[in-house]
Amino acid sequence: MTKNPTMKALSCAAAFVAALLAAQAGEKAALVAANATNRFEITGMTCSGCAKGLAGELKLTKGVISAEVTLSNNLAVVAFDTNRVSTTGLIKAVEEAGFKAKVKKP
């Protein structure tokens, strides 16, 4: 640990920025808010790896705030910003990942 106060402050600031960037990467930018949540019935998944991979692909889609995919009930729950992605866009993302999706009615 450095004794120089300026260097110590810079180190703390760098650590803060690194933590902030990591949080933003994992959670998307905190300033983006979901204004819709849809449930999708997913077909074509055969294992938990499929569900994890699909969730990861959905999270990479612009406008998606969160995505949870479960194999046991073939369900994806996606929270998203409708100004950045549409339901059709989400279905396309699922299809590009190698699966089929349709909106699940409540």
N, C-alpha and C. Protein backbone atom coordinates (compact mmCIF):
# COMPACT_ATOMS: atom_id res chain seq x y z
N MET A 1 0.84 -1.18 0.00
CA MET A 1 0.00 0.00 0.00
C MET A 1 0.88 1.23 0.00
N THR A 2 0.49 2.18 -0.79
CA THR A 2 1.29 3.39 -0.94
C THR A 2 1.05 4.36 0.21
N LYS A 3 2.12 5.11 0.54
CA LYS A 3 2.00 6.12 1.60
C LYS A 3 1.68 7.49 1.02
N ASN A 4 1.85 7.66 -0.28
CA ASN A 4 1.58 8.93 -0.94
C ASN A 4 0.06 9.12 -1.01
N PRO A 5 -0.50 10.18 -0.37
CA PRO A 5 -1.95 10.38 -0.35
C PRO A 5 -2.56 10.53 -1.74
N THR A 6 -1.84 11.17 -2.64
CA THR A 6 -2.36 11.35 -4.00
C THR A 6 -2.48 10.00 -4.70
N MET A 7 -1.45 9.18 -4.60
CA MET A 7 -1.47 7.87 -5.23
C MET A 7 -2.54 6.98 -4.60
N LYS A 8 -2.71 7.09 -3.28
CA LYS A 8 -3.73 6.31 -2.60
C LYS A 8 -5.12 6.70 -3.10
N ALA A 9 -5.36 8.00 -3.25
CA ALA A 9 -6.65 8.49 -3.75
C ALA A 9 -6.89 8.00 -5.17
N LEU A 10 -5.85 8.05 -6.00
CA LEU A 10 -5.98 7.57 -7.38
C LEU A 10 -6.28 6.08 -7.41
N SER A 11 -5.64 5.31 -6.55
CA SER A 11 -5.88 3.87 -6.48
C SER A 11 -7.32 3.59 -6.07
N CYS A 12 -7.82 4.34 -5.09
CA CYS A 12 -9.21 4.16 -4.65
C CYS A 12 -10.18 4.53 -5.77
N ALA A 13 -9.89 5.61 -6.48
CA ALA A 13 -10.75 6.04 -7.58
C ALA A 13 -10.76 5.00 -8.69
N ALA A 14 -9.59 4.44 -9.00
CA ALA A 14 -9.50 3.42 -10.04
C ALA A 14 -10.28 2.17 -9.62
N ALA A 15 -10.18 1.80 -8.38
CA ALA A 15 -10.92 0.64 -7.89
C ALA A 15 -12.43 0.88 -7.96
N PHE A 16 -12.83 2.11 -7.63
CA PHE A 16 -14.25 2.45 -7.71
C PHE A 16 -14.76 2.37 -9.14
N VAL A 17 -14.00 2.94 -10.08
CA VAL A 17 -14.40 2.91 -11.48
C VAL A 17 -14.45 1.48 -11.98
N ALA A 18 -13.49 0.66 -11.62
CA ALA A 18 -13.49 -0.74 -12.04
C ALA A 18 -14.71 -1.48 -11.50
N ALA A 19 -15.06 -1.23 -10.26
CA ALA A 19 -16.23 -1.86 -9.67
C ALA A 19 -17.52 -1.39 -10.34
N LEU A 20 -17.57 -0.09 -10.65
CA LEU A 20 -18.73 0.47 -11.32
C LEU A 20 -18.90 -0.13 -12.71
N LEU A 21 -17.82 -0.23 -13.46
CA LEU A 21 -17.89 -0.82 -14.80
C LEU A 21 -18.29 -2.28 -14.73
N ALA A 22 -17.79 -3.01 -13.76
CA ALA A 22 -18.16 -4.42 -13.61
C ALA A 22 -19.65 -4.55 -13.28
N ALA A 23 -20.14 -3.67 -12.43
CA ALA A 23 -21.56 -3.71 -12.09
C ALA A 23 -22.42 -3.38 -13.30
N GLN A 24 -22.00 -2.41 -14.07
CA GLN A 24 -22.75 -2.04 -15.26
C GLN A 24 -22.73 -3.16 -16.29
N ALA A 25 -21.61 -3.83 -16.43
CA ALA A 25 -21.52 -4.93 -17.39
C ALA A 25 -22.43 -6.07 -16.98
N GLY A 26 -22.50 -6.35 -15.70
CA GLY A 26 -23.32 -7.46 -15.22
C GLY A 26 -24.79 -7.13 -15.14
N GLU A 27 -25.12 -5.92 -14.88
CA GLU A 27 -26.51 -5.52 -14.67
C GLU A 27 -27.03 -4.60 -15.75
N LYS A 28 -26.24 -4.36 -16.77
CA LYS A 28 -26.50 -3.33 -17.77
C LYS A 28 -26.40 -1.99 -17.04
N ALA A 29 -26.46 -0.92 -17.73
CA ALA A 29 -26.36 0.38 -17.09
C ALA A 29 -27.56 0.60 -16.19
N ALA A 30 -27.31 1.06 -15.00
CA ALA A 30 -28.39 1.26 -14.03
C ALA A 30 -29.42 2.28 -14.51
N LEU A 31 -29.02 3.12 -15.46
CA LEU A 31 -29.92 4.14 -15.96
C LEU A 31 -30.99 3.60 -16.91
N VAL A 32 -30.77 2.40 -17.45
CA VAL A 32 -31.73 1.78 -18.36
C VAL A 32 -32.72 0.99 -17.51
N ALA A 33 -33.99 1.24 -17.72
CA ALA A 33 -35.01 0.56 -16.93
C ALA A 33 -35.93 -0.24 -17.83
N ALA A 34 -36.34 -1.38 -17.31
CA ALA A 34 -37.30 -2.20 -18.04
C ALA A 34 -38.68 -1.55 -17.94
N ASN A 35 -39.40 -1.52 -19.06
CA ASN A 35 -40.77 -1.03 -19.01
C ASN A 35 -41.75 -2.10 -19.47
N ALA A 36 -41.23 -3.33 -19.67
CA ALA A 36 -42.09 -4.46 -20.03
C ALA A 36 -41.41 -5.75 -19.61
N THR A 37 -42.22 -6.75 -19.32
CA THR A 37 -41.73 -8.09 -19.03
C THR A 37 -42.62 -9.07 -19.78
N ASN A 38 -41.99 -9.94 -20.54
CA ASN A 38 -42.75 -10.97 -21.27
C ASN A 38 -42.28 -12.35 -20.86
N ARG A 39 -43.20 -13.28 -20.95
CA ARG A 39 -42.91 -14.69 -20.72
C ARG A 39 -43.00 -15.40 -22.06
N PHE A 40 -41.99 -16.23 -22.35
CA PHE A 40 -41.94 -16.94 -23.61
C PHE A 40 -41.87 -18.45 -23.36
N GLU A 41 -42.64 -19.20 -24.13
CA GLU A 41 -42.52 -20.65 -24.12
C GLU A 41 -41.41 -20.99 -25.09
N ILE A 42 -40.42 -21.73 -24.61
CA ILE A 42 -39.24 -22.06 -25.41
C ILE A 42 -39.28 -23.54 -25.76
N THR A 43 -39.02 -23.84 -27.03
CA THR A 43 -38.91 -25.24 -27.44
C THR A 43 -37.52 -25.46 -28.03
N GLY A 44 -37.04 -26.69 -27.86
CA GLY A 44 -35.74 -27.07 -28.41
C GLY A 44 -34.64 -27.20 -27.37
N MET A 45 -34.90 -26.84 -26.12
CA MET A 45 -33.89 -26.98 -25.08
C MET A 45 -33.86 -28.43 -24.61
N THR A 46 -32.64 -28.97 -24.42
CA THR A 46 -32.50 -30.35 -23.98
C THR A 46 -31.76 -30.51 -22.66
N CYS A 47 -31.11 -29.43 -22.21
CA CYS A 47 -30.35 -29.54 -20.96
C CYS A 47 -30.26 -28.16 -20.29
N SER A 48 -29.74 -28.16 -19.07
CA SER A 48 -29.62 -26.89 -18.34
C SER A 48 -28.61 -25.96 -19.01
N GLY A 49 -27.66 -26.53 -19.75
CA GLY A 49 -26.71 -25.71 -20.49
C GLY A 49 -27.41 -24.90 -21.57
N CYS A 50 -28.44 -25.51 -22.18
CA CYS A 50 -29.23 -24.78 -23.19
C CYS A 50 -29.88 -23.57 -22.53
N ALA A 51 -30.48 -23.78 -21.37
CA ALA A 51 -31.17 -22.69 -20.67
C ALA A 51 -30.20 -21.59 -20.28
N LYS A 52 -29.04 -21.96 -19.76
CA LYS A 52 -28.04 -20.96 -19.37
C LYS A 52 -27.52 -20.21 -20.58
N GLY A 53 -27.26 -20.93 -21.66
CA GLY A 53 -26.77 -20.30 -22.87
C GLY A 53 -27.78 -19.33 -23.47
N LEU A 54 -29.04 -19.75 -23.49
CA LEU A 54 -30.09 -18.88 -24.02
C LEU A 54 -30.25 -17.63 -23.15
N ALA A 55 -30.22 -17.81 -21.85
CA ALA A 55 -30.31 -16.64 -20.95
C ALA A 55 -29.17 -15.67 -21.24
N GLY A 56 -27.97 -16.20 -21.44
CA GLY A 56 -26.83 -15.36 -21.75
C GLY A 56 -27.00 -14.62 -23.07
N GLU A 57 -27.50 -15.31 -24.08
CA GLU A 57 -27.74 -14.67 -25.37
C GLU A 57 -28.78 -13.56 -25.27
N LEU A 58 -29.85 -13.84 -24.52
CA LEU A 58 -30.88 -12.82 -24.36
C LEU A 58 -30.33 -11.59 -23.64
N LYS A 59 -29.50 -11.82 -22.64
CA LYS A 59 -28.92 -10.69 -21.89
C LYS A 59 -28.02 -9.83 -22.75
N LEU A 60 -27.47 -10.40 -23.82
CA LEU A 60 -26.62 -9.64 -24.73
C LEU A 60 -27.42 -8.82 -25.73
N THR A 61 -28.72 -9.05 -25.80
CA THR A 61 -29.58 -8.33 -26.73
C THR A 61 -29.79 -6.91 -26.22
N LYS A 62 -29.57 -5.93 -27.09
CA LYS A 62 -29.76 -4.53 -26.69
C LYS A 62 -31.18 -4.32 -26.20
N GLY A 63 -31.31 -3.69 -25.05
CA GLY A 63 -32.61 -3.40 -24.48
C GLY A 63 -33.07 -4.41 -23.44
N VAL A 64 -32.41 -5.56 -23.38
CA VAL A 64 -32.79 -6.56 -22.37
C VAL A 64 -32.12 -6.19 -21.05
N ILE A 65 -32.93 -6.10 -20.02
CA ILE A 65 -32.43 -5.76 -18.69
C ILE A 65 -32.11 -7.03 -17.91
N SER A 66 -33.00 -8.01 -17.99
CA SER A 66 -32.75 -9.29 -17.33
C SER A 66 -33.46 -10.39 -18.11
N ALA A 67 -32.92 -11.60 -17.97
CA ALA A 67 -33.51 -12.76 -18.63
C ALA A 67 -33.26 -13.99 -17.77
N GLU A 68 -34.33 -14.71 -17.47
CA GLU A 68 -34.23 -15.95 -16.72
C GLU A 68 -34.87 -17.04 -17.57
N VAL A 69 -34.14 -18.14 -17.77
CA VAL A 69 -34.64 -19.24 -18.58
C VAL A 69 -34.56 -20.50 -17.75
N THR A 70 -35.67 -21.24 -17.69
CA THR A 70 -35.69 -22.49 -16.94
C THR A 70 -36.06 -23.65 -17.85
N LEU A 71 -35.29 -24.72 -17.74
CA LEU A 71 -35.52 -25.91 -18.55
C LEU A 71 -36.76 -26.66 -18.08
N SER A 72 -36.98 -26.74 -16.77
CA SER A 72 -38.05 -27.57 -16.22
C SER A 72 -39.43 -27.19 -16.73
N ASN A 73 -39.66 -25.91 -17.02
CA ASN A 73 -40.97 -25.51 -17.55
C ASN A 73 -40.86 -24.83 -18.92
N ASN A 74 -39.66 -24.94 -19.54
CA ASN A 74 -39.44 -24.38 -20.88
C ASN A 74 -39.90 -22.93 -20.97
N LEU A 75 -39.48 -22.13 -20.00
CA LEU A 75 -39.96 -20.76 -19.89
C LEU A 75 -38.80 -19.78 -19.84
N ALA A 76 -38.96 -18.68 -20.57
CA ALA A 76 -38.03 -17.55 -20.47
C ALA A 76 -38.83 -16.35 -20.00
N VAL A 77 -38.33 -15.67 -19.00
CA VAL A 77 -38.94 -14.43 -18.51
C VAL A 77 -37.94 -13.33 -18.77
N VAL A 78 -38.35 -12.37 -19.61
CA VAL A 78 -37.43 -11.33 -20.05
C VAL A 78 -37.99 -9.95 -19.72
N ALA A 79 -37.21 -9.17 -18.99
CA ALA A 79 -37.54 -7.77 -18.70
C ALA A 79 -36.74 -6.92 -19.69
N PHE A 80 -37.42 -5.99 -20.35
CA PHE A 80 -36.75 -5.24 -21.41
C PHE A 80 -37.32 -3.85 -21.56
N ASP A 81 -36.58 -3.04 -22.31
CA ASP A 81 -36.96 -1.67 -22.63
C ASP A 81 -37.56 -1.68 -24.04
N THR A 82 -38.84 -1.40 -24.16
CA THR A 82 -39.53 -1.45 -25.45
C THR A 82 -39.05 -0.37 -26.42
N ASN A 83 -38.32 0.61 -25.92
CA ASN A 83 -37.75 1.63 -26.80
C ASN A 83 -36.51 1.11 -27.52
N ARG A 84 -35.97 -0.01 -27.04
CA ARG A 84 -34.73 -0.54 -27.62
C ARG A 84 -34.91 -1.91 -28.27
N VAL A 85 -35.91 -2.67 -27.87
CA VAL A 85 -36.14 -4.00 -28.45
C VAL A 85 -37.62 -4.33 -28.36
N SER A 86 -38.12 -5.03 -29.36
CA SER A 86 -39.53 -5.42 -29.39
C SER A 86 -39.66 -6.91 -29.03
N THR A 87 -40.90 -7.34 -28.83
CA THR A 87 -41.15 -8.75 -28.60
C THR A 87 -40.67 -9.57 -29.79
N THR A 88 -40.92 -9.07 -30.99
CA THR A 88 -40.46 -9.75 -32.20
C THR A 88 -38.93 -9.86 -32.20
N GLY A 89 -38.27 -8.82 -31.76
CA GLY A 89 -36.81 -8.83 -31.68
C GLY A 89 -36.30 -9.87 -30.69
N LEU A 90 -37.03 -10.05 -29.59
CA LEU A 90 -36.65 -11.06 -28.60
C LEU A 90 -36.84 -12.45 -29.17
N ILE A 91 -37.94 -12.67 -29.88
CA ILE A 91 -38.17 -13.97 -30.50
C ILE A 91 -37.08 -14.26 -31.53
N LYS A 92 -36.68 -13.25 -32.28
CA LYS A 92 -35.60 -13.42 -33.26
C LYS A 92 -34.30 -13.80 -32.56
N ALA A 93 -34.01 -13.18 -31.42
CA ALA A 93 -32.79 -13.50 -30.66
C ALA A 93 -32.81 -14.96 -30.20
N VAL A 94 -33.98 -15.44 -29.77
CA VAL A 94 -34.12 -16.84 -29.35
C VAL A 94 -33.88 -17.75 -30.54
N GLU A 95 -34.46 -17.41 -31.67
CA GLU A 95 -34.31 -18.24 -32.88
C GLU A 95 -32.86 -18.25 -33.36
N GLU A 96 -32.19 -17.11 -33.26
CA GLU A 96 -30.77 -17.05 -33.65
C GLU A 96 -29.90 -17.89 -32.73
N ALA A 97 -30.37 -18.13 -31.50
CA ALA A 97 -29.65 -18.99 -30.56
C ALA A 97 -29.97 -20.47 -30.79
N GLY A 98 -30.89 -20.75 -31.73
CA GLY A 98 -31.16 -22.14 -32.08
C GLY A 98 -32.40 -22.73 -31.47
N PHE A 99 -33.27 -21.90 -30.93
CA PHE A 99 -34.49 -22.39 -30.28
C PHE A 99 -35.71 -21.72 -30.89
N LYS A 100 -36.88 -22.14 -30.48
CA LYS A 100 -38.13 -21.51 -30.91
C LYS A 100 -38.77 -20.87 -29.70
N ALA A 101 -39.49 -19.76 -29.93
CA ALA A 101 -40.15 -19.06 -28.83
C ALA A 101 -41.50 -18.55 -29.29
N LYS A 102 -42.44 -18.55 -28.36
CA LYS A 102 -43.71 -17.87 -28.59
C LYS A 102 -44.13 -17.27 -27.26
N VAL A 103 -44.82 -16.14 -27.38
CA VAL A 103 -45.26 -15.45 -26.17
C VAL A 103 -46.24 -16.36 -25.43
N LYS A 104 -46.00 -16.49 -24.13
CA LYS A 104 -46.86 -17.31 -23.30
C LYS A 104 -47.96 -16.43 -22.73
N LYS A 105 -49.18 -16.81 -22.97
CA LYS A 105 -50.33 -16.05 -22.45
C LYS A 105 -50.44 -16.28 -20.94
N PRO A 106 -50.85 -15.24 -20.21
CA PRO A 106 -50.97 -15.38 -18.74
C PRO A 106 -52.05 -16.36 -18.32
